[in-house]
């Protein structure tokens, strides 16, 4: 049997990390039950590095020492500031890419949401323009607000551009990887950006072996996210990973594109499943991914392999 590491997404701050891990496991068990299988791993073989409070507090400006310690379950646990112009530009680019999913002419769609009779210059520094973007998303994003997409995007920005935040989270995730054994990694949402970055940068030097990397609801293919990842290190297939399986619901509010040759070209190619029927309200929730029978089976098959 192989160990399993779960890397969560955003909006997990102030949650009970034990309950968060239990919720992930229950969702996976539901998916397994749909195909007549039972969870093959004991709780201590499943690790969830919890960084929700760390991200929340570091983004609010606290030092790593003040931020909540990252807890790896299964192991004994030892206000936003004003946005910079760079962050606003990142946020606008990502949000406009989302608008482009629903409108043939994104800029025109946003302009139509501006106050009548007001001639407003396009640009993220203009609040009316931002409001127009969020209104378009409110109209078209099922089960979620434009603000929720913006918050998810901002968390990714903070992780990719703030070294102290990135280092604190990366160290916590890396500490969850068991030494000297093959480990399956499953990541969701922002967690897919974190897990990918950790695996590509640390996996080989630390001797990790990940026979199966599973990402669900991933925003990795969003253009500005790819660009920022490339500024940190070459965008390559993580050398420690043998196979990468990505699953998404086409209606997901966060994962715009599959991680395929068009949107996230890597060698070897990533295997994509694009027809998940995520039953959660915004089509992005982890429950709707882990209880998908194909996703549940993929994780099961990877962890039960003998080494």
Protein backbone atom coordinates (compact mmCIF):
# COMPACT_ATOMS: atom_id res chain seq x y z
CA UNK A 1 0.00 0.00 0.00
CA UNK A 2 1.08 3.55 -0.71
CA UNK A 3 0.41 6.60 1.41
CA UNK A 4 -1.94 9.32 0.22
CA UNK A 5 -1.32 13.08 0.53
CA UNK A 6 -4.26 15.48 0.08
CA UNK A 7 -3.60 19.15 -0.76
CA UNK A 8 -6.62 21.38 -0.17
CA UNK A 9 -7.70 24.58 -1.91
CA UNK A 10 -8.74 28.03 -0.71
CA UNK A 11 -11.43 29.19 1.73
CA UNK A 12 -10.40 26.63 4.31
CA UNK A 13 -9.29 29.14 6.96
CA UNK A 14 -10.59 28.77 10.50
CA UNK A 15 -11.70 25.23 9.78
CA UNK A 16 -10.97 22.18 11.91
CA UNK A 17 -8.16 20.42 10.04
CA UNK A 18 -9.19 17.04 11.43
CA UNK A 19 -12.73 17.54 10.14
CA UNK A 20 -11.40 18.79 6.79
CA UNK A 21 -9.41 15.60 6.34
CA UNK A 22 -12.42 13.51 7.43
CA UNK A 23 -14.65 15.28 4.90
CA UNK A 24 -12.23 14.51 2.06
CA UNK A 25 -12.08 10.87 3.12
CA UNK A 26 -15.87 10.59 3.34
CA UNK A 27 -16.28 12.01 -0.16
CA UNK A 28 -13.75 9.52 -1.52
CA UNK A 29 -15.53 6.70 0.31
CA UNK A 30 -18.81 7.69 -1.33
CA UNK A 31 -17.18 7.52 -4.73
CA UNK A 32 -15.70 4.12 -3.93
CA UNK A 33 -19.06 2.83 -2.68
CA UNK A 34 -20.59 3.69 -6.05
CA UNK A 35 -18.27 1.16 -7.66
CA UNK A 36 -18.46 -1.44 -4.90
CA UNK A 37 -15.14 -0.65 -3.22
CA UNK A 38 -14.08 0.32 0.30
CA UNK A 39 -11.32 2.63 1.44
CA UNK A 40 -8.11 0.59 1.49
CA UNK A 41 -6.03 2.92 3.69
CA UNK A 42 -6.03 3.56 7.43
CA UNK A 43 -6.29 7.15 8.64
CA UNK A 44 -2.60 7.30 9.49
CA UNK A 45 -1.72 6.52 5.87
CA UNK A 46 -3.61 9.61 4.68
CA UNK A 47 -2.01 13.02 5.24
CA UNK A 48 -3.59 16.44 4.80
CA UNK A 49 -1.19 19.37 5.27
CA UNK A 50 -3.43 22.15 6.54
CA UNK A 51 -2.39 25.65 5.50
CA UNK A 52 -5.75 27.46 5.52
CA UNK A 53 -5.01 29.67 8.52
CA UNK A 54 -1.43 30.18 7.42
CA UNK A 55 -2.52 31.58 4.05
CA UNK A 56 -5.26 33.68 5.60
CA UNK A 57 -2.95 35.24 8.19
CA UNK A 58 0.05 35.72 5.95
CA UNK A 59 -2.05 37.43 3.30
CA UNK A 60 -3.33 39.72 6.05
CA UNK A 61 0.26 40.77 6.66
CA UNK A 62 1.37 38.64 9.61
CA UNK A 63 4.83 37.14 9.75
CA UNK A 64 5.37 33.38 9.34
CA UNK A 65 6.01 33.22 13.10
CA UNK A 66 2.66 34.82 13.85
CA UNK A 67 0.80 32.74 11.29
CA UNK A 68 -0.81 29.49 12.27
CA UNK A 69 1.50 26.51 12.15
CA UNK A 70 0.79 24.06 9.38
CA UNK A 71 -0.56 20.83 10.77
CA UNK A 72 -0.02 17.54 9.01
CA UNK A 73 -2.77 15.29 10.23
CA UNK A 74 -1.60 11.76 10.91
CA UNK A 75 1.55 13.25 12.48
CA UNK A 76 1.64 14.68 16.01
CA UNK A 77 1.20 18.42 15.49
CA UNK A 78 4.21 20.15 16.77
CA UNK A 79 -7.33 41.90 6.53
CA UNK A 80 -6.33 42.30 3.37
CA UNK A 81 -4.19 45.26 2.46
CA UNK A 82 -4.79 47.44 -0.59
CA UNK A 83 -4.05 45.72 -3.86
CA UNK A 84 -0.89 46.70 -5.71
CA UNK A 85 -1.06 47.63 -9.38
CA UNK A 86 0.62 44.33 -10.24
CA UNK A 87 -1.96 42.36 -8.29
CA UNK A 88 -4.80 44.32 -9.84
CA UNK A 89 -3.44 43.63 -13.32
CA UNK A 90 -3.13 39.91 -12.51
CA UNK A 91 -6.66 39.85 -11.13
CA UNK A 92 -8.12 41.67 -14.12
CA UNK A 93 -6.39 39.39 -16.63
CA UNK A 94 -7.62 36.27 -14.87
CA UNK A 95 -11.17 37.55 -14.45
CA UNK A 96 -11.41 38.72 -18.06
CA UNK A 97 -10.32 35.25 -19.15
CA UNK A 98 -13.25 33.90 -17.14
CA UNK A 99 -15.58 36.41 -18.79
CA UNK A 100 -14.32 35.19 -22.16
CA UNK A 101 -15.75 31.82 -21.31
CA UNK A 102 -19.25 33.25 -21.34
CA UNK A 103 -19.01 36.14 -23.81
CA UNK A 104 -17.78 36.21 -27.40
CA UNK A 105 -16.67 39.81 -26.87
CA UNK A 106 -15.58 40.06 -23.20
CA UNK A 107 -14.87 43.79 -23.24
CA UNK A 108 -18.25 44.60 -24.77
CA UNK A 109 -19.98 42.35 -22.23
CA UNK A 110 -18.31 44.25 -19.39
CA UNK A 111 -19.07 47.66 -20.91
CA UNK A 112 -22.76 46.74 -21.08
CA UNK A 113 -22.74 46.33 -17.31
CA UNK A 114 -21.36 49.84 -16.73
CA UNK A 115 -23.71 52.58 -15.45
CA UNK A 116 -25.78 53.99 -18.30
CA UNK A 117 -24.43 57.12 -19.89
CA UNK A 118 -21.06 56.72 -18.20
CA UNK A 119 -18.02 56.59 -20.42
CA UNK A 120 -15.51 54.62 -18.41
CA UNK A 121 -11.99 53.83 -19.42
CA UNK A 122 -11.18 50.16 -19.43
CA UNK A 123 -8.74 49.11 -16.77
CA UNK A 124 -8.48 47.33 -13.46
CA UNK A 125 -7.58 50.59 -11.69
CA UNK A 126 -11.09 51.77 -12.48
CA UNK A 127 -13.55 50.43 -9.93
CA UNK A 128 -16.55 50.68 -12.28
CA UNK A 129 -14.72 48.45 -14.76
CA UNK A 130 -14.02 45.85 -12.07
CA UNK A 131 -17.65 45.97 -10.98
CA UNK A 132 -18.67 45.34 -14.58
CA UNK A 133 -16.47 42.25 -14.72
CA UNK A 134 -17.91 40.88 -11.48
CA UNK A 135 -21.47 41.56 -12.67
CA UNK A 136 -20.89 39.57 -15.86
CA UNK A 137 -19.58 36.68 -13.79
CA UNK A 138 -22.51 36.95 -11.37
CA UNK A 139 -24.86 36.55 -14.32
CA UNK A 140 -23.13 33.56 -15.82
CA UNK A 141 -21.23 31.63 -13.14
CA UNK A 142 -23.52 28.92 -11.78
CA UNK A 143 -23.77 28.73 -8.01
CA UNK A 144 -21.05 31.28 -7.27
CA UNK A 145 -20.40 34.98 -7.34
CA UNK A 146 -17.84 36.88 -9.32
CA UNK A 147 -16.35 37.85 -5.98
CA UNK A 148 -15.69 34.21 -5.12
CA UNK A 149 -13.77 33.76 -8.37
CA UNK A 150 -11.83 36.94 -7.57
CA UNK A 151 -10.94 35.72 -4.09
CA UNK A 152 -9.69 32.39 -5.42
CA UNK A 153 -7.62 34.25 -7.98
CA UNK A 154 -6.15 36.55 -5.35
CA UNK A 155 -5.05 33.61 -3.19
CA UNK A 156 -3.21 32.14 -6.17
CA UNK A 157 -1.56 35.50 -6.80
CA UNK A 158 -0.40 35.79 -3.20
CA UNK A 159 1.03 32.29 -3.26
CA UNK A 160 2.88 32.83 -6.55
CA UNK A 161 4.28 36.28 -5.78
CA UNK A 162 4.91 36.39 -2.02
CA UNK A 163 7.94 34.28 -1.13
CA UNK A 164 7.22 34.18 2.59
CA UNK A 165 3.73 32.86 1.92
CA UNK A 166 4.96 30.37 -0.66
CA UNK A 167 7.80 29.11 1.54
CA UNK A 168 5.55 28.62 4.57
CA UNK A 169 2.97 26.67 2.57
CA UNK A 170 5.54 24.68 0.58
CA UNK A 171 7.36 23.63 3.75
CA UNK A 172 4.12 22.38 5.26
CA UNK A 173 3.12 20.42 2.19
CA UNK A 174 6.62 18.97 1.80
CA UNK A 175 6.57 17.82 5.43
CA UNK A 176 3.50 15.70 4.65
CA UNK A 177 5.39 13.60 2.11
CA UNK A 178 6.46 10.31 3.75
CA UNK A 179 10.14 9.57 3.34
CA UNK A 180 11.36 6.54 1.45
CA UNK A 181 8.07 5.33 0.02
CA UNK A 182 5.92 5.90 -3.03
CA UNK A 183 3.12 8.37 -2.37
CA UNK A 184 -0.03 9.30 -4.28
CA UNK A 185 -0.82 13.03 -4.25
CA UNK A 186 -4.34 14.44 -4.76
CA UNK A 187 -4.80 18.21 -5.01
CA UNK A 188 -7.76 20.55 -5.46
CA UNK A 189 -8.12 24.15 -6.70
CA UNK A 190 -5.36 26.41 -5.32
CA UNK A 191 -3.88 23.20 -3.90
CA UNK A 192 -3.11 22.04 -7.45
CA UNK A 193 -0.89 25.10 -7.96
CA UNK A 194 0.81 24.48 -4.62
CA UNK A 195 1.26 20.74 -5.18
CA UNK A 196 2.58 21.21 -8.71
CA UNK A 197 5.07 23.83 -7.58
CA UNK A 198 6.31 21.69 -4.68
CA UNK A 199 6.61 18.53 -6.77
CA UNK A 200 8.47 20.17 -9.66
CA UNK A 201 10.88 22.06 -7.37
CA UNK A 202 11.52 19.63 -4.51
CA UNK A 203 10.46 16.18 -5.66
CA UNK A 204 13.65 15.07 -7.37
CA UNK A 205 16.11 16.53 -4.87
CA UNK A 206 14.26 14.98 -1.95
CA UNK A 207 13.93 11.61 -3.61
CA UNK A 208 10.14 11.54 -3.70
CA UNK A 209 8.36 9.04 -5.91
CA UNK A 210 4.80 9.93 -6.92
CA UNK A 211 3.36 7.19 -9.14
CA UNK A 212 0.06 9.09 -9.49
CA UNK A 213 -0.58 12.83 -9.23
CA UNK A 214 -4.31 13.66 -9.31
CA UNK A 215 -5.52 17.23 -9.78
CA UNK A 216 -9.17 18.29 -9.67
CA UNK A 217 -10.72 21.70 -10.32
CA UNK A 218 -7.32 23.08 -11.29
CA UNK A 219 -6.71 26.67 -12.46
CA UNK A 220 -3.19 25.83 -13.69
CA UNK A 221 -4.09 26.52 -17.33
CA UNK A 222 -5.25 30.11 -16.72
CA UNK A 223 -2.81 32.25 -18.73
CA UNK A 224 -1.58 34.60 -16.01
CA UNK A 225 -1.10 31.69 -13.61
CA UNK A 226 1.03 29.85 -16.16
CA UNK A 227 3.04 33.01 -16.73
CA UNK A 228 3.76 33.51 -13.04
CA UNK A 229 4.67 29.85 -12.59
CA UNK A 230 7.16 30.21 -15.44
CA UNK A 231 8.75 33.17 -13.66
CA UNK A 232 9.47 30.98 -10.65
CA UNK A 233 10.88 27.97 -12.52
CA UNK A 234 10.55 26.20 -15.88
CA UNK A 235 7.06 24.78 -16.40
CA UNK A 236 7.91 21.09 -16.75
CA UNK A 237 6.38 17.76 -15.90
CA UNK A 238 7.52 17.09 -12.30
CA UNK A 239 10.40 14.58 -12.56
CA UNK A 240 9.23 12.71 -9.45
CA UNK A 241 5.76 12.07 -10.96
CA UNK A 242 5.11 8.98 -13.10
CA UNK A 243 1.57 9.81 -14.22
CA UNK A 244 -0.63 12.90 -13.94
CA UNK A 245 -4.42 12.61 -14.06
CA UNK A 246 -6.53 15.80 -14.18
CA UNK A 247 -10.30 15.90 -13.76
CA UNK A 248 -12.70 18.81 -14.21
CA UNK A 249 -16.33 19.72 -14.66
CA UNK A 250 -16.75 21.99 -17.68
CA UNK A 251 -19.01 24.22 -15.56
CA UNK A 252 -16.43 24.61 -12.78
CA UNK A 253 -16.07 28.26 -11.76
CA UNK A 254 -12.29 28.02 -11.27
CA UNK A 255 -10.82 25.49 -13.70
CA UNK A 256 -11.27 27.16 -17.06
CA UNK A 257 -9.47 24.63 -19.24
CA UNK A 258 -8.25 21.05 -19.25
CA UNK A 259 -4.51 20.58 -18.77
CA UNK A 260 -4.06 19.42 -22.34
CA UNK A 261 -1.70 20.09 -25.26
CA UNK A 262 -3.55 23.30 -26.10
CA UNK A 263 -3.70 24.84 -22.63
CA UNK A 264 -0.92 23.29 -20.51
CA UNK A 265 1.45 21.45 -22.77
CA UNK A 266 3.85 19.14 -20.96
CA UNK A 267 5.74 15.98 -21.83
CA UNK A 268 4.68 13.36 -21.01
CA UNK A 269 1.11 14.49 -21.61
CA UNK A 270 -1.34 14.88 -18.74
CA UNK A 271 -4.38 12.59 -18.89
CA UNK A 272 -7.59 14.64 -18.72
CA UNK A 273 -11.13 13.76 -17.73
CA UNK A 274 -13.41 16.68 -18.65
CA UNK A 275 -16.87 15.24 -18.03
CA UNK A 276 -17.08 15.13 -14.23
CA UNK A 277 -20.63 15.88 -13.10
CA UNK A 278 -19.78 17.88 -9.99
CA UNK A 279 -22.96 18.08 -7.94
CA UNK A 280 -21.83 20.90 -5.64
CA UNK A 281 -23.47 24.30 -5.99
CA UNK A 282 -20.62 25.98 -7.87
CA UNK A 283 -19.42 22.79 -9.65
CA UNK A 284 -16.04 23.30 -7.98
CA UNK A 285 -16.44 21.71 -4.55
CA UNK A 286 -14.12 18.88 -3.56
CA UNK A 287 -17.02 16.57 -2.65
CA UNK A 288 -18.24 16.56 -6.25
CA UNK A 289 -14.80 15.52 -7.46
CA UNK A 290 -13.79 12.89 -4.93
CA UNK A 291 -17.09 11.05 -5.11
CA UNK A 292 -16.91 10.84 -8.90
CA UNK A 293 -16.51 7.09 -9.58
CA UNK A 294 -13.68 7.52 -12.09
CA UNK A 295 -11.69 9.83 -9.84
CA UNK A 296 -12.30 7.61 -6.82
CA UNK A 297 -11.20 4.54 -8.78
CA UNK A 298 -8.06 6.27 -10.07
CA UNK A 299 -6.95 7.10 -6.53
CA UNK A 300 -7.83 3.61 -5.30
CA UNK A 301 -5.90 1.85 -8.05
CA UNK A 302 -2.85 4.01 -7.37
CA UNK A 303 -2.71 3.46 -3.60
CA UNK A 304 -3.34 -0.30 -3.58
CA UNK A 305 -0.31 -1.07 -5.75
CA UNK A 306 2.39 -3.07 -4.00
CA UNK A 307 5.94 -1.67 -4.15
